[in-house]
PDB file of N, CA and C in Angstrom:
ATOM      1  N   MET A   1      26.002 -93.740  53.237  1.00  0.00           N
ATOM      2  CA  MET A   1      25.905 -95.082  52.720  1.00  0.00           C
ATOM      3  C   MET A   1      27.032 -95.944  53.276  1.00  0.00           C
ATOM      4  N   LYS A   2      28.238 -95.389  53.305  1.00  0.00           N
ATOM      5  CA  LYS A   2      29.367 -96.150  53.846  1.00  0.00           C
ATOM      6  C   LYS A   2      29.139 -96.503  55.308  1.00  0.00           C
ATOM      7  N   LYS A   3      28.538 -95.589  56.052  1.00  0.00           N
ATOM      8  CA  LYS A   3      28.249 -95.831  57.469  1.00  0.00           C
ATOM      9  C   LYS A   3      27.324 -97.028  57.630  1.00  0.00           C
ATOM     10  N   PHE A   4      26.349 -97.159  56.754  1.00  0.00           N
ATOM     11  CA  PHE A   4      25.357 -98.226  56.880  1.00  0.00           C
ATOM     12  C   PHE A   4      25.780 -99.541  56.234  1.00  0.00           C
ATOM     13  N   TYR A   5      26.512 -99.452  55.116  1.00  0.00           N
ATOM     14  CA  TYR A   5      26.774-100.654  54.325  1.00  0.00           C
ATOM     15  C   TYR A   5      28.252-100.949  54.114  1.00  0.00           C
ATOM     16  N   GLY A   6      29.106-100.197  54.761  1.00  0.00           N
ATOM     17  CA  GLY A   6      30.535-100.476  54.705  1.00  0.00           C
ATOM     18  C   GLY A   6      31.163-100.175  53.362  1.00  0.00           C
ATOM     19  N   THR A   7      32.221-100.876  53.092  1.00  0.00           N
ATOM     20  CA  THR A   7      32.997-100.635  51.870  1.00  0.00           C
ATOM     21  C   THR A   7      32.763-101.715  50.817  1.00  0.00           C
ATOM     22  N   ASP A   8      31.602-102.366  50.875  1.00  0.00           N
ATOM     23  CA  ASP A   8      31.283-103.392  49.877  1.00  0.00           C
ATOM     24  C   ASP A   8      31.080-102.804  48.492  1.00  0.00           C
ATOM     25  N   CYS A   9      30.877-101.503  48.426  1.00  0.00           N
ATOM     26  CA  CYS A   9      30.686-100.864  47.132  1.00  0.00           C
ATOM     27  C   CYS A   9      31.496 -99.570  47.092  1.00  0.00           C
ATOM     28  N   TYR A  10      31.783 -99.137  45.880  1.00  0.00           N
ATOM     29  CA  TYR A  10      32.520 -97.892  45.667  1.00  0.00           C
ATOM     30  C   TYR A  10      31.513 -96.781  45.483  1.00  0.00           C
ATOM     31  N   ILE A  11      31.650 -95.719  46.271  1.00  0.00           N
ATOM     32  CA  ILE A  11      30.662 -94.652  46.294  1.00  0.00           C
ATOM     33  C   ILE A  11      31.353 -93.313  46.057  1.00  0.00           C
ATOM     34  N   GLN A  12      30.745 -92.473  45.236  1.00  0.00           N
ATOM     35  CA  GLN A  12      31.199 -91.105  45.041  1.00  0.00           C
ATOM     36  C   GLN A  12      30.021 -90.173  45.258  1.00  0.00           C
ATOM     37  N   SER A  13      30.254 -89.075  45.912  1.00  0.00           N
ATOM     38  CA  SER A  13      29.245 -88.043  46.106  1.00  0.00           C
ATOM     39  C   SER A  13      29.501 -86.952  45.082  1.00  0.00           C
ATOM     40  N   VAL A  14      28.514 -86.733  44.216  1.00  0.00           N
ATOM     41  CA  VAL A  14      28.689 -85.804  43.107  1.00  0.00           C
ATOM     42  C   VAL A  14      27.429 -84.962  42.960  1.00  0.00           C
ATOM     43  N   GLY A  15      27.612 -83.731  42.545  1.00  0.00           N
ATOM     44  CA  GLY A  15      26.479 -82.857  42.303  1.00  0.00           C
ATOM     45  C   GLY A  15      26.580 -82.203  40.939  1.00  0.00           C
ATOM     46  N   VAL A  16      25.564 -81.452  40.613  1.00  0.00           N
ATOM     47  CA  VAL A  16      25.553 -80.742  39.340  1.00  0.00           C
ATOM     48  C   VAL A  16      26.651 -79.688  39.331  1.00  0.00           C
ATOM     49  N   LYS A  17      26.821 -79.032  40.472  1.00  0.00           N
ATOM     50  CA  LYS A  17      27.890 -78.043  40.601  1.00  0.00           C
ATOM     51  C   LYS A  17      28.610 -78.278  41.917  1.00  0.00           C
ATOM     52  N   ASN A  18      29.770 -77.682  42.037  1.00  0.00           N
ATOM     53  CA  ASN A  18      30.567 -77.829  43.241  1.00  0.00           C
ATOM     54  C   ASN A  18      30.341 -76.610  44.127  1.00  0.00           C
ATOM     55  N   ASP A  19      29.776 -76.850  45.296  1.00  0.00           N
ATOM     56  CA  ASP A  19      29.558 -75.767  46.248  1.00  0.00           C
ATOM     57  C   ASP A  19      30.731 -75.628  47.210  1.00  0.00           C
ATOM     58  N   LEU A  20      31.787 -76.382  46.985  1.00  0.00           N
ATOM     59  CA  LEU A  20      33.022 -76.396  47.773  1.00  0.00           C
ATOM     60  C   LEU A  20      32.821 -76.890  49.203  1.00  0.00           C
ATOM     61  N   GLU A  21      32.155 -76.156  50.032  1.00  0.00           N
ATOM     62  CA  GLU A  21      32.006 -76.530  51.436  1.00  0.00           C
ATOM     63  C   GLU A  21      30.661 -77.214  51.670  1.00  0.00           C
ATOM     64  N   ILE A  22      30.683 -78.193  52.559  1.00  0.00           N
ATOM     65  CA  ILE A  22      29.453 -78.856  52.949  1.00  0.00           C
ATOM     66  C   ILE A  22      28.731 -77.959  53.951  1.00  0.00           C
ATOM     67  N   ASP A  23      27.448 -77.850  53.803  1.00  0.00           N
ATOM     68  CA  ASP A  23      26.603 -77.017  54.658  1.00  0.00           C
ATOM     69  C   ASP A  23      26.743 -77.437  56.129  1.00  0.00           C
ATOM     70  N   GLY A  24      26.921 -76.480  57.000  1.00  0.00           N
ATOM     71  CA  GLY A  24      27.085 -76.740  58.429  1.00  0.00           C
ATOM     72  C   GLY A  24      25.902 -77.443  59.060  1.00  0.00           C
ATOM     73  N   PHE A  25      24.688 -77.143  58.598  1.00  0.00           N
ATOM     74  CA  PHE A  25      23.514 -77.832  59.126  1.00  0.00           C
ATOM     75  C   PHE A  25      23.540 -79.311  58.736  1.00  0.00           C
ATOM     76  N   ALA A  26      23.979 -79.602  57.513  1.00  0.00           N
ATOM     77  CA  ALA A  26      24.098 -80.998  57.078  1.00  0.00           C
ATOM     78  C   ALA A  26      25.136 -81.727  57.929  1.00  0.00           C
ATOM     79  N   ILE A  27      26.244 -81.074  58.201  1.00  0.00           N
ATOM     80  CA  ILE A  27      27.285 -81.672  59.042  1.00  0.00           C
ATOM     81  C   ILE A  27      26.720 -81.994  60.421  1.00  0.00           C
ATOM     82  N   THR A  28      25.976 -81.069  60.997  1.00  0.00           N
ATOM     83  CA  THR A  28      25.422 -81.239  62.336  1.00  0.00           C
ATOM     84  C   THR A  28      24.439 -82.400  62.416  1.00  0.00           C
ATOM     85  N   VAL A  29      23.470 -82.440  61.486  1.00  0.00           N
ATOM     86  CA  VAL A  29      22.451 -83.491  61.595  1.00  0.00           C
ATOM     87  C   VAL A  29      22.993 -84.863  61.216  1.00  0.00           C
ATOM     88  N   CYS A  30      23.986 -84.920  60.362  1.00  0.00           N
ATOM     89  CA  CYS A  30      24.591 -86.213  60.037  1.00  0.00           C
ATOM     90  C   CYS A  30      25.449 -86.713  61.197  1.00  0.00           C
ATOM     91  N   ALA A  31      26.113 -85.818  61.886  1.00  0.00           N
ATOM     92  CA  ALA A  31      26.909 -86.209  63.062  1.00  0.00           C
ATOM     93  C   ALA A  31      26.001 -86.832  64.125  1.00  0.00           C
ATOM     94  N   GLU A  32      24.758 -86.395  64.198  1.00  0.00           N
ATOM     95  CA  GLU A  32      23.821 -86.949  65.177  1.00  0.00           C
ATOM     96  C   GLU A  32      23.597 -88.446  64.984  1.00  0.00           C
ATOM     97  N   ILE A  33      23.795 -88.942  63.770  1.00  0.00           N
ATOM     98  CA  ILE A  33      23.623 -90.377  63.513  1.00  0.00           C
ATOM     99  C   ILE A  33      24.962 -91.061  63.229  1.00  0.00           C
ATOM    100  N   GLY A  34      26.050 -90.386  63.571  1.00  0.00           N
ATOM    101  CA  GLY A  34      27.372 -90.987  63.430  1.00  0.00           C
ATOM    102  C   GLY A  34      27.984 -90.910  62.051  1.00  0.00           C
ATOM    103  N   VAL A  35      27.474 -90.045  61.200  1.00  0.00           N
ATOM    104  CA  VAL A  35      28.030 -89.852  59.858  1.00  0.00           C
ATOM    105  C   VAL A  35      28.820 -88.553  59.871  1.00  0.00           C
ATOM    106  N   GLU A  36      30.123 -88.656  59.685  1.00  0.00           N
ATOM    107  CA  GLU A  36      31.005 -87.491  59.733  1.00  0.00           C
ATOM    108  C   GLU A  36      31.167 -86.890  58.345  1.00  0.00           C
ATOM    109  N   LEU A  37      30.748 -85.649  58.211  1.00  0.00           N
ATOM    110  CA  LEU A  37      30.868 -84.945  56.932  1.00  0.00           C
ATOM    111  C   LEU A  37      31.844 -83.784  56.986  1.00  0.00           C
ATOM    112  N   HIS A  38      32.406 -83.491  58.137  1.00  0.00           N
ATOM    113  CA  HIS A  38      33.209 -82.268  58.269  1.00  0.00           C
ATOM    114  C   HIS A  38      34.435 -82.251  57.364  1.00  0.00           C
ATOM    115  N   ARG A  39      34.933 -83.410  56.943  1.00  0.00           N
ATOM    116  CA  ARG A  39      36.073 -83.443  56.009  1.00  0.00           C
ATOM    117  C   ARG A  39      35.636 -83.716  54.572  1.00  0.00           C
ATOM    118  N   HIS A  40      34.367 -83.939  54.374  1.00  0.00           N
ATOM    119  CA  HIS A  40      33.842 -84.250  53.045  1.00  0.00           C
ATOM    120  C   HIS A  40      33.876 -83.000  52.166  1.00  0.00           C
ATOM    121  N   ARG A  41      34.222 -83.161  50.932  1.00  0.00           N
ATOM    122  CA  ARG A  41      34.202 -82.069  49.961  1.00  0.00           C
ATOM    123  C   ARG A  41      33.333 -82.497  48.792  1.00  0.00           C
ATOM    124  N   SER A  42      32.508 -81.576  48.346  1.00  0.00           N
ATOM    125  CA  SER A  42      31.647 -81.900  47.218  1.00  0.00           C
ATOM    126  C   SER A  42      32.427 -81.753  45.921  1.00  0.00           C
ATOM    127  N   ARG A  43      31.952 -82.435  44.910  1.00  0.00           N
ATOM    128  CA  ARG A  43      32.556 -82.331  43.576  1.00  0.00           C
ATOM    129  C   ARG A  43      31.438 -82.347  42.555  1.00  0.00           C
ATOM    130  N   SER A  44      31.722 -81.825  41.407  1.00  0.00           N
ATOM    131  CA  SER A  44      30.729 -81.801  40.330  1.00  0.00           C
ATOM    132  C   SER A  44      30.966 -82.996  39.402  1.00  0.00           C
ATOM    133  N   PHE A  45      29.991 -83.260  38.541  1.00  0.00           N
ATOM    134  CA  PHE A  45      30.174 -84.307  37.536  1.00  0.00           C
ATOM    135  C   PHE A  45      31.401 -84.015  36.683  1.00  0.00           C
ATOM    136  N   ASP A  46      31.590 -82.749  36.321  1.00  0.00           N
ATOM    137  CA  ASP A  46      32.734 -82.383  35.485  1.00  0.00           C
ATOM    138  C   ASP A  46      34.053 -82.641  36.209  1.00  0.00           C
ATOM    139  N   GLU A  47      34.124 -82.277  37.485  1.00  0.00           N
ATOM    140  CA  GLU A  47      35.348 -82.535  38.247  1.00  0.00           C
ATOM    141  C   GLU A  47      35.620 -84.033  38.367  1.00  0.00           C
ATOM    142  N   MET A  48      34.570 -84.796  38.601  1.00  0.00           N
ATOM    143  CA  MET A  48      34.723 -86.244  38.700  1.00  0.00           C
ATOM    144  C   MET A  48      35.340 -86.792  37.417  1.00  0.00           C
ATOM    145  N   HIS A  49      34.841 -86.342  36.284  1.00  0.00           N
ATOM    146  CA  HIS A  49      35.384 -86.772  34.999  1.00  0.00           C
ATOM    147  C   HIS A  49      36.849 -86.337  34.854  1.00  0.00           C
ATOM    148  N   ASN A  50      37.136 -85.084  35.211  1.00  0.00           N
ATOM    149  CA  ASN A  50      38.505 -84.561  35.104  1.00  0.00           C
ATOM    150  C   ASN A  50      39.484 -85.309  36.009  1.00  0.00           C
ATOM    151  N   TRP A  51      38.996 -85.839  37.124  1.00  0.00           N
ATOM    152  CA  TRP A  51      39.852 -86.570  38.063  1.00  0.00           C
ATOM    153  C   TRP A  51      40.004 -88.039  37.688  1.00  0.00           C
ATOM    154  N   GLY A  52      39.359 -88.447  36.582  1.00  0.00           N
ATOM    155  CA  GLY A  52      39.553 -89.794  36.084  1.00  0.00           C
ATOM    156  C   GLY A  52      38.514 -90.809  36.509  1.00  0.00           C
ATOM    157  N   ASP A  53      37.475 -90.385  37.200  1.00  0.00           N
ATOM    158  CA  ASP A  53      36.397 -91.315  37.547  1.00  0.00           C
ATOM    159  C   ASP A  53      35.477 -91.440  36.344  1.00  0.00           C
ATOM    160  N   ASP A  54      35.497 -92.597  35.726  1.00  0.00           N
ATOM    161  CA  ASP A  54      34.689 -92.848  34.533  1.00  0.00           C
ATOM    162  C   ASP A  54      33.302 -93.319  34.941  1.00  0.00           C
ATOM    163  N   LEU A  55      32.275 -92.653  34.470  1.00  0.00           N
ATOM    164  CA  LEU A  55      30.913 -93.043  34.826  1.00  0.00           C
ATOM    165  C   LEU A  55      30.594 -94.483  34.446  1.00  0.00           C
ATOM    166  N   SER A  56      31.255 -95.001  33.434  1.00  0.00           N
ATOM    167  CA  SER A  56      30.966 -96.374  33.018  1.00  0.00           C
ATOM    168  C   SER A  56      31.402 -97.391  34.067  1.00  0.00           C
ATOM    169  N   SER A  57      32.190 -96.970  35.060  1.00  0.00           N
ATOM    170  CA  SER A  57      32.614 -97.901  36.112  1.00  0.00           C
ATOM    171  C   SER A  57      31.593 -97.994  37.245  1.00  0.00           C
ATOM    172  N   PHE A  58      30.511 -97.231  37.154  1.00  0.00           N
ATOM    173  CA  PHE A  58      29.476 -97.259  38.167  1.00  0.00           C
ATOM    174  C   PHE A  58      28.264 -98.039  37.662  1.00  0.00           C
ATOM    175  N   ASP A  59      27.482 -98.556  38.597  1.00  0.00           N
ATOM    176  CA  ASP A  59      26.265 -99.287  38.262  1.00  0.00           C
ATOM    177  C   ASP A  59      25.011 -98.461  38.465  1.00  0.00           C
ATOM    178  N   LEU A  60      25.090 -97.465  39.348  1.00  0.00           N
ATOM    179  CA  LEU A  60      23.896 -96.742  39.757  1.00  0.00           C
ATOM    180  C   LEU A  60      24.236 -95.307  40.125  1.00  0.00           C
ATOM    181  N   ILE A  61      23.366 -94.396  39.719  1.00  0.00           N
ATOM    182  CA  ILE A  61      23.439 -93.005  40.175  1.00  0.00           C
ATOM    183  C   ILE A  61      22.142 -92.718  40.905  1.00  0.00           C
ATOM    184  N   LEU A  62      22.266 -92.202  42.126  1.00  0.00           N
ATOM    185  CA  LEU A  62      21.105 -91.761  42.898  1.00  0.00           C
ATOM    186  C   LEU A  62      21.041 -90.251  42.796  1.00  0.00           C
ATOM    187  N   ALA A  63      20.035 -89.760  42.139  1.00  0.00           N
ATOM    188  CA  ALA A  63      19.853 -88.314  41.966  1.00  0.00           C
ATOM    189  C   ALA A  63      18.877 -87.818  43.017  1.00  0.00           C
ATOM    190  N   LEU A  64      19.268 -86.755  43.717  1.00  0.00           N
ATOM    191  CA  LEU A  64      18.430 -86.225  44.789  1.00  0.00           C
ATOM    192  C   LEU A  64      17.732 -84.925  44.405  1.00  0.00           C
ATOM    193  N   SER A  65      17.935 -84.478  43.179  1.00  0.00           N
ATOM    194  CA  SER A  65      17.249 -83.274  42.704  1.00  0.00           C
ATOM    195  C   SER A  65      16.931 -83.470  41.223  1.00  0.00           C
ATOM    196  N   PRO A  66      15.919 -82.764  40.738  1.00  0.00           N
ATOM    197  CA  PRO A  66      15.613 -82.860  39.304  1.00  0.00           C
ATOM    198  C   PRO A  66      16.805 -82.453  38.433  1.00  0.00           C
ATOM    199  N   ALA A  67      17.558 -81.440  38.871  1.00  0.00           N
ATOM    200  CA  ALA A  67      18.716 -81.003  38.083  1.00  0.00           C
ATOM    201  C   ALA A  67      19.779 -82.097  38.007  1.00  0.00           C
ATOM    202  N   SER A  68      20.037 -82.779  39.122  1.00  0.00           N
ATOM    203  CA  SER A  68      21.046 -83.842  39.087  1.00  0.00           C
ATOM    204  C   SER A  68      20.547 -85.040  38.293  1.00  0.00           C
ATOM    205  N   GLN A  69      19.254 -85.307  38.334  1.00  0.00           N
ATOM    206  CA  GLN A  69      18.708 -86.390  37.525  1.00  0.00           C
ATOM    207  C   GLN A  69      18.891 -86.089  36.034  1.00  0.00           C
ATOM    208  N   ARG A  70      18.546 -84.858  35.610  1.00  0.00           N
ATOM    209  CA  ARG A  70      18.712 -84.483  34.193  1.00  0.00           C
ATOM    210  C   ARG A  70      20.169 -84.603  33.769  1.00  0.00           C
ATOM    211  N   ARG A  71      21.069 -84.091  34.602  1.00  0.00           N
ATOM    212  CA  ARG A  71      22.502 -84.127  34.263  1.00  0.00           C
ATOM    213  C   ARG A  71      22.998 -85.564  34.184  1.00  0.00           C
ATOM    214  N   ALA A  72      22.590 -86.395  35.142  1.00  0.00           N
ATOM    215  CA  ALA A  72      23.000 -87.804  35.132  1.00  0.00           C
ATOM    216  C   ALA A  72      22.473 -88.520  33.898  1.00  0.00           C
ATOM    217  N   LEU A  73      21.225 -88.276  33.541  1.00  0.00           N
ATOM    218  CA  LEU A  73      20.662 -88.919  32.348  1.00  0.00           C
ATOM    219  C   LEU A  73      21.372 -88.455  31.078  1.00  0.00           C
ATOM    220  N   ASP A  74      21.718 -87.178  31.014  1.00  0.00           N
ATOM    221  CA  ASP A  74      22.461 -86.668  29.861  1.00  0.00           C
ATOM    222  C   ASP A  74      23.830 -87.332  29.758  1.00  0.00           C
ATOM    223  N   LEU A  75      24.515 -87.450  30.892  1.00  0.00           N
ATOM    224  CA  LEU A  75      25.871 -87.993  30.887  1.00  0.00           C
ATOM    225  C   LEU A  75      25.919 -89.498  30.672  1.00  0.00           C
ATOM    226  N   THR A  76      24.829 -90.182  30.954  1.00  0.00           N
ATOM    227  CA  THR A  76      24.848 -91.645  30.887  1.00  0.00           C
ATOM    228  C   THR A  76      24.056 -92.190  29.704  1.00  0.00           C
ATOM    229  N   ALA A  77      23.714 -91.346  28.767  1.00  0.00           N
ATOM    230  CA  ALA A  77      22.893 -91.784  27.638  1.00  0.00           C
ATOM    231  C   ALA A  77      23.517 -92.950  26.875  1.00  0.00           C
ATOM    232  N   CYS A  78      24.831 -93.024  26.846  1.00  0.00           N
ATOM    233  CA  CYS A  78      25.482 -94.099  26.084  1.00  0.00           C
ATOM    234  C   CYS A  78      26.074 -95.177  26.994  1.00  0.00           C
ATOM    235  N   TYR A  79      25.716 -95.183  28.263  1.00  0.00           N
ATOM    236  CA  TYR A  79      26.199 -96.207  29.204  1.00  0.00           C
ATOM    237  C   TYR A  79      25.043 -97.088  29.651  1.00  0.00           C
ATOM    238  N   HIS A  80      25.373 -98.304  30.021  1.00  0.00           N
ATOM    239  CA  HIS A  80      24.387 -99.177  30.659  1.00  0.00           C
ATOM    240  C   HIS A  80      24.484 -98.909  32.160  1.00  0.00           C
ATOM    241  N   LEU A  81      23.793 -97.877  32.576  1.00  0.00           N
ATOM    242  CA  LEU A  81      23.905 -97.383  33.941  1.00  0.00           C
ATOM    243  C   LEU A  81      22.529 -96.934  34.401  1.00  0.00           C
ATOM    244  N   GLU A  82      22.134 -97.396  35.573  1.00  0.00           N
ATOM    245  CA  GLU A  82      20.817 -97.054  36.113  1.00  0.00           C
ATOM    246  C   GLU A  82      20.879 -95.701  36.827  1.00  0.00           C
ATOM    247  N   VAL A  83      19.867 -94.880  36.600  1.00  0.00           N
ATOM    248  CA  VAL A  83      19.728 -93.606  37.298  1.00  0.00           C
ATOM    249  C   VAL A  83      18.402 -93.645  38.039  1.00  0.00           C
ATOM    250  N   GLU A  84      18.463 -93.496  39.360  1.00  0.00           N
ATOM    251  CA  GLU A  84      17.256 -93.434  40.178  1.00  0.00           C
ATOM    252  C   GLU A  84      17.117 -92.027  40.724  1.00  0.00           C
ATOM    253  N   TYR A  85      15.896 -91.528  40.675  1.00  0.00           N
ATOM    254  CA  TYR A  85      15.610 -90.221  41.241  1.00  0.00           C
ATOM    255  C   TYR A  85      14.904 -90.424  42.576  1.00  0.00           C
ATOM    256  N   TRP A  86      15.506 -89.883  43.626  1.00  0.00           N
ATOM    257  CA  TRP A  86      14.920 -89.930  44.962  1.00  0.00           C
ATOM    258  C   TRP A  86      14.532 -88.511  45.346  1.00  0.00           C
ATOM    259  N   PRO A  87      13.286 -88.122  45.144  1.00  0.00           N
ATOM    260  CA  PRO A  87      12.895 -86.765  45.509  1.00  0.00           C
ATOM    261  C   PRO A  87      12.938 -86.584  47.026  1.00  0.00           C
ATOM    262  N   VAL A  88      13.745 -85.657  47.473  1.00  0.00           N
ATOM    263  CA  VAL A  88      13.838 -85.337  48.895  1.00  0.00           C
ATOM    264  C   VAL A  88      13.691 -83.828  49.056  1.00  0.00           C
ATOM    265  N   LEU A  89      13.301 -83.445  50.232  1.00  0.00           N
ATOM    266  CA  LEU A  89      13.155 -82.038  50.575  1.00  0.00           C
ATOM    267  C   LEU A  89      14.502 -81.336  50.496  1.00  0.00           C
ATOM    268  N   ASP A  90      14.558 -80.192  49.834  1.00  0.00           N
ATOM    269  CA  ASP A  90      15.762 -79.365  49.847  1.00  0.00           C
ATOM    270  C   ASP A  90      15.637 -78.427  51.046  1.00  0.00           C
ATOM    271  N   PRO A  91      16.409 -78.661  52.110  1.00  0.00           N
ATOM    272  CA  PRO A  91      16.216 -77.894  53.339  1.00  0.00           C
ATOM    273  C   PRO A  91      16.873 -76.520  53.346  1.00  0.00           C
ATOM    274  N   THR A  92      17.673 -76.211  52.345  1.00  0.00           N
ATOM    275  CA  THR A  92      18.375 -74.926  52.364  1.00  0.00           C
ATOM    276  C   THR A  92      17.375 -73.784  52.337  1.00  0.00           C
ATOM    277  N   GLY A  93      17.547 -72.876  53.251  1.00  0.00           N
ATOM    278  CA  GLY A  93      16.696 -71.702  53.317  1.00  0.00           C
ATOM    279  C   GLY A  93      15.371 -71.905  54.020  1.00  0.00           C
ATOM    280  N   LEU A  94      15.102 -73.107  54.518  1.00  0.00           N
ATOM    281  CA  LEU A  94      13.847 -73.355  55.219  1.00  0.00           C
ATOM    282  C   LEU A  94      14.008 -73.078  56.703  1.00  0.00           C
ATOM    283  N   GLY A  95      13.008 -72.516  57.314  1.00  0.00           N
ATOM    284  CA  GLY A  95      13.011 -72.279  58.750  1.00  0.00           C
ATOM    285  C   GLY A  95      13.494 -70.890  59.108  1.00  0.00           C
ATOM    286  N   GLU A  96      12.961 -70.387  60.214  1.00  0.00           N
ATOM    287  CA  GLU A  96      13.304 -69.039  60.659  1.00  0.00           C
ATOM    288  C   GLU A  96      14.547 -69.007  61.538  1.00  0.00           C
ATOM    289  N   GLY A  97      14.667 -69.929  62.450  1.00  0.00           N
ATOM    290  CA  GLY A  97      15.808 -69.948  63.357  1.00  0.00           C
ATOM    291  C   GLY A  97      16.589 -71.231  63.227  1.00  0.00           C
ATOM    292  N   ARG A  98      17.626 -71.335  64.039  1.00  0.00           N
ATOM    293  CA  ARG A  98      18.504 -72.502  63.995  1.00  0.00           C
ATOM    294  C   ARG A  98      17.738 -73.817  64.185  1.00  0.00           C
ATOM    295  N   GLU A  99      16.883 -73.888  65.194  1.00  0.00           N
ATOM    296  CA  GLU A  99      16.157 -75.132  65.466  1.00  0.00           C
ATOM    297  C   GLU A  99      15.203 -75.496  64.330  1.00  0.00           C
ATOM    298  N   ASP A 100      14.550 -74.511  63.741  1.00  0.00           N
ATOM    299  CA  ASP A 100      13.673 -74.778  62.588  1.00  0.00           C
ATOM    300  C   ASP A 100      14.483 -75.316  61.414  1.00  0.00           C
ATOM    301  N   ARG A 101      15.627 -74.726  61.181  1.00  0.00           N
ATOM    302  CA  ARG A 101      16.481 -75.180  60.068  1.00  0.00           C
ATOM    303  C   ARG A 101      17.003 -76.588  60.324  1.00  0.00           C
ATOM    304  N   LEU A 102      17.439 -76.836  61.555  1.00  0.00           N
ATOM    305  CA  LEU A 102      17.912 -78.187  61.889  1.00  0.00           C
ATOM    306  C   LEU A 102      16.788 -79.203  61.706  1.00  0.00           C
ATOM    307  N   ARG A 103      15.579 -78.847  62.052  1.00  0.00           N
ATOM    308  CA  ARG A 103      14.435 -79.746  61.883  1.00  0.00           C
ATOM    309  C   ARG A 103      14.249 -80.090  60.391  1.00  0.00           C
ATOM    310  N   SER A 104      14.390 -79.102  59.524  1.00  0.00           N
ATOM    311  CA  SER A 104      14.270 -79.349  58.080  1.00  0.00           C
ATOM    312  C   SER A 104      15.387 -80.260  57.584  1.00  0.00           C
ATOM    313  N   TYR A 105      16.601 -80.028  58.041  1.00  0.00           N
ATOM    314  CA  TYR A 105      17.730 -80.868  57.637  1.00  0.00           C
ATOM    315  C   TYR A 105      17.568 -82.293  58.166  1.00  0.00           C
ATOM    316  N   ARG A 106      17.058 -82.430  59.380  1.00  0.00           N
ATOM    317  CA  ARG A 106      16.814 -83.776  59.927  1.00  0.00           C
ATOM    318  C   ARG A 106      15.766 -84.507  59.094  1.00  0.00           C
ATOM    319  N   GLN A 107      14.756 -83.775  58.671  1.00  0.00           N
ATOM    320  CA  GLN A 107      13.717 -84.384  57.843  1.00  0.00           C
ATOM    321  C   GLN A 107      14.314 -84.916  56.532  1.00  0.00           C
ATOM    322  N   THR A 108      15.156 -84.131  55.909  1.00  0.00           N
ATOM    323  CA  THR A 108      15.807 -84.571  54.671  1.00  0.00           C
ATOM    324  C   THR A 108      16.723 -85.762  54.935  1.00  0.00           C
ATOM    325  N   ARG A 109      17.536 -85.670  55.986  1.00  0.00           N
ATOM    326  CA  ARG A 109      18.423 -86.790  56.359  1.00  0.00           C
ATOM    327  C   ARG A 109      17.608 -88.059  56.544  1.00  0.00           C
ATOM    328  N   ASP A 110      16.520 -87.962  57.278  1.00  0.00           N
ATOM    329  CA  ASP A 110      15.702 -89.140  57.555  1.00  0.00           C
ATOM    330  C   ASP A 110      15.044 -89.692  56.299  1.00  0.00           C
ATOM    331  N   MET A 111      14.686 -88.813  55.362  1.00  0.00           N
ATOM    332  CA  MET A 111      14.135 -89.278  54.088  1.00  0.00           C
ATOM    333  C   MET A 111      15.170 -90.102  53.330  1.00  0.00           C
ATOM    334  N   ILE A 112      16.409 -89.639  53.330  1.00  0.00           N
ATOM    335  CA  ILE A 112      17.480 -90.360  52.625  1.00  0.00           C
ATOM    336  C   ILE A 112      17.757 -91.695  53.312  1.00  0.00           C
ATOM    337  N   VAL A 113      17.820 -91.694  54.631  1.00  0.00           N
ATOM    338  CA  VAL A 113      18.054 -92.941  55.375  1.00  0.00           C
ATOM    339  C   VAL A 113      16.938 -93.943  55.075  1.00  0.00           C
ATOM    340  N   GLU A 114      15.709 -93.480  55.066  1.00  0.00           N
ATOM    341  CA  GLU A 114      14.583 -94.367  54.769  1.00  0.00           C
ATOM    342  C   GLU A 114      14.699 -94.966  53.371  1.00  0.00           C
ATOM    343  N   ARG A 115      15.093 -94.140  52.405  1.00  0.00           N
ATOM    344  CA  ARG A 115      15.254 -94.647  51.033  1.00  0.00           C
ATOM    345  C   ARG A 115      16.386 -95.667  50.944  1.00  0.00           C
ATOM    346  N   LEU A 116      17.493 -95.404  51.661  1.00  0.00           N
ATOM    347  CA  LEU A 116      18.601 -96.364  51.674  1.00  0.00           C
ATOM    348  C   LEU A 116      18.137 -97.716  52.219  1.00  0.00           C
ATOM    349  N   ILE A 117      17.420 -97.692  53.316  1.00  0.00           N
ATOM    350  CA  ILE A 117      16.949 -98.933  53.936  1.00  0.00           C
ATOM    351  C   ILE A 117      15.941 -99.635  53.036  1.00  0.00           C
ATOM    352  N   ASP A 118      15.059 -98.885  52.406  1.00  0.00           N
ATOM    353  CA  ASP A 118      14.107 -99.489  51.469  1.00  0.00           C
ATOM    354  C   ASP A 118      14.830-100.172  50.311  1.00  0.00           C
ATOM    355  N   ARG A 119      15.921 -99.562  49.855  1.00  0.00           N
ATOM    356  CA  ARG A 119      16.647-100.071  48.674  1.00  0.00           C
ATOM    357  C   ARG A 119      17.595-101.219  49.013  1.00  0.00           C
ATOM    358  N   TRP A 120      18.335-101.102  50.146  1.00  0.00           N
ATOM    359  CA  TRP A 120      19.380-102.068  50.463  1.00  0.00           C
ATOM    360  C   TRP A 120      19.196-102.820  51.785  1.00  0.00           C
ATOM    361  N   GLY A 121      18.138-102.562  52.480  1.00  0.00           N
ATOM    362  CA  GLY A 121      17.879-103.272  53.733  1.00  0.00           C
ATOM    363  C   GLY A 121      18.489-102.570  54.927  1.00  0.00           C
ATOM    364  N   PRO A 122      18.338-103.199  56.095  1.00  0.00           N
ATOM    365  CA  PRO A 122      18.834-102.598  57.338  1.00  0.00           C
ATOM    366  C   PRO A 122      20.352-102.390  57.295  1.00  0.00           C
ATOM    367  N   PRO A 123      20.819-101.352  57.996  1.00  0.00           N
ATOM    368  CA  PRO A 123      22.270-101.113  58.059  1.00  0.00           C
ATOM    369  C   PRO A 123      23.010-102.324  58.612  1.00  0.00           C
ATOM    370  N   ARG A 124      24.218-102.528  58.127  1.00  0.00           N
ATOM    371  CA  ARG A 124      25.043-103.667  58.578  1.00  0.00           C
ATOM    372  C   ARG A 124      25.896-103.302  59.770  1.00  0.00           C
ATOM    373  N   SER A 125      26.042-102.002  60.001  1.00  0.00           N
ATOM    374  CA  SER A 125      26.927-101.595  61.104  1.00  0.00           C
ATOM    375  C   SER A 125      26.162-101.345  62.379  1.00  0.00           C
TER     376      SER A 125
END
């Protein structure tokens, strides 16, 4: 999102759980479009709260899985905060070889890019 829309908004990447390292296939396919993830670290909703990021300071949560949507809705029940669910393909474990797996990750990446453009328009960068 930052790559496409700059720093006009404050963005946090959060999941239901912390997997610590970003998947190498995700790093590879995002690098293909100029998005660097190799230094990115995932965090959970609980860690975000523990680090002082208050959900009430956000306007929108984009959930990419049913589990993250449920968790976001549970956590935001008392906030005026929009939660959108964007169903995308979970590419983990798909494909027999490296190229098949990369194809699945590219498909997911492209689904997310398409949703971003549908929601906020063409990239500014």
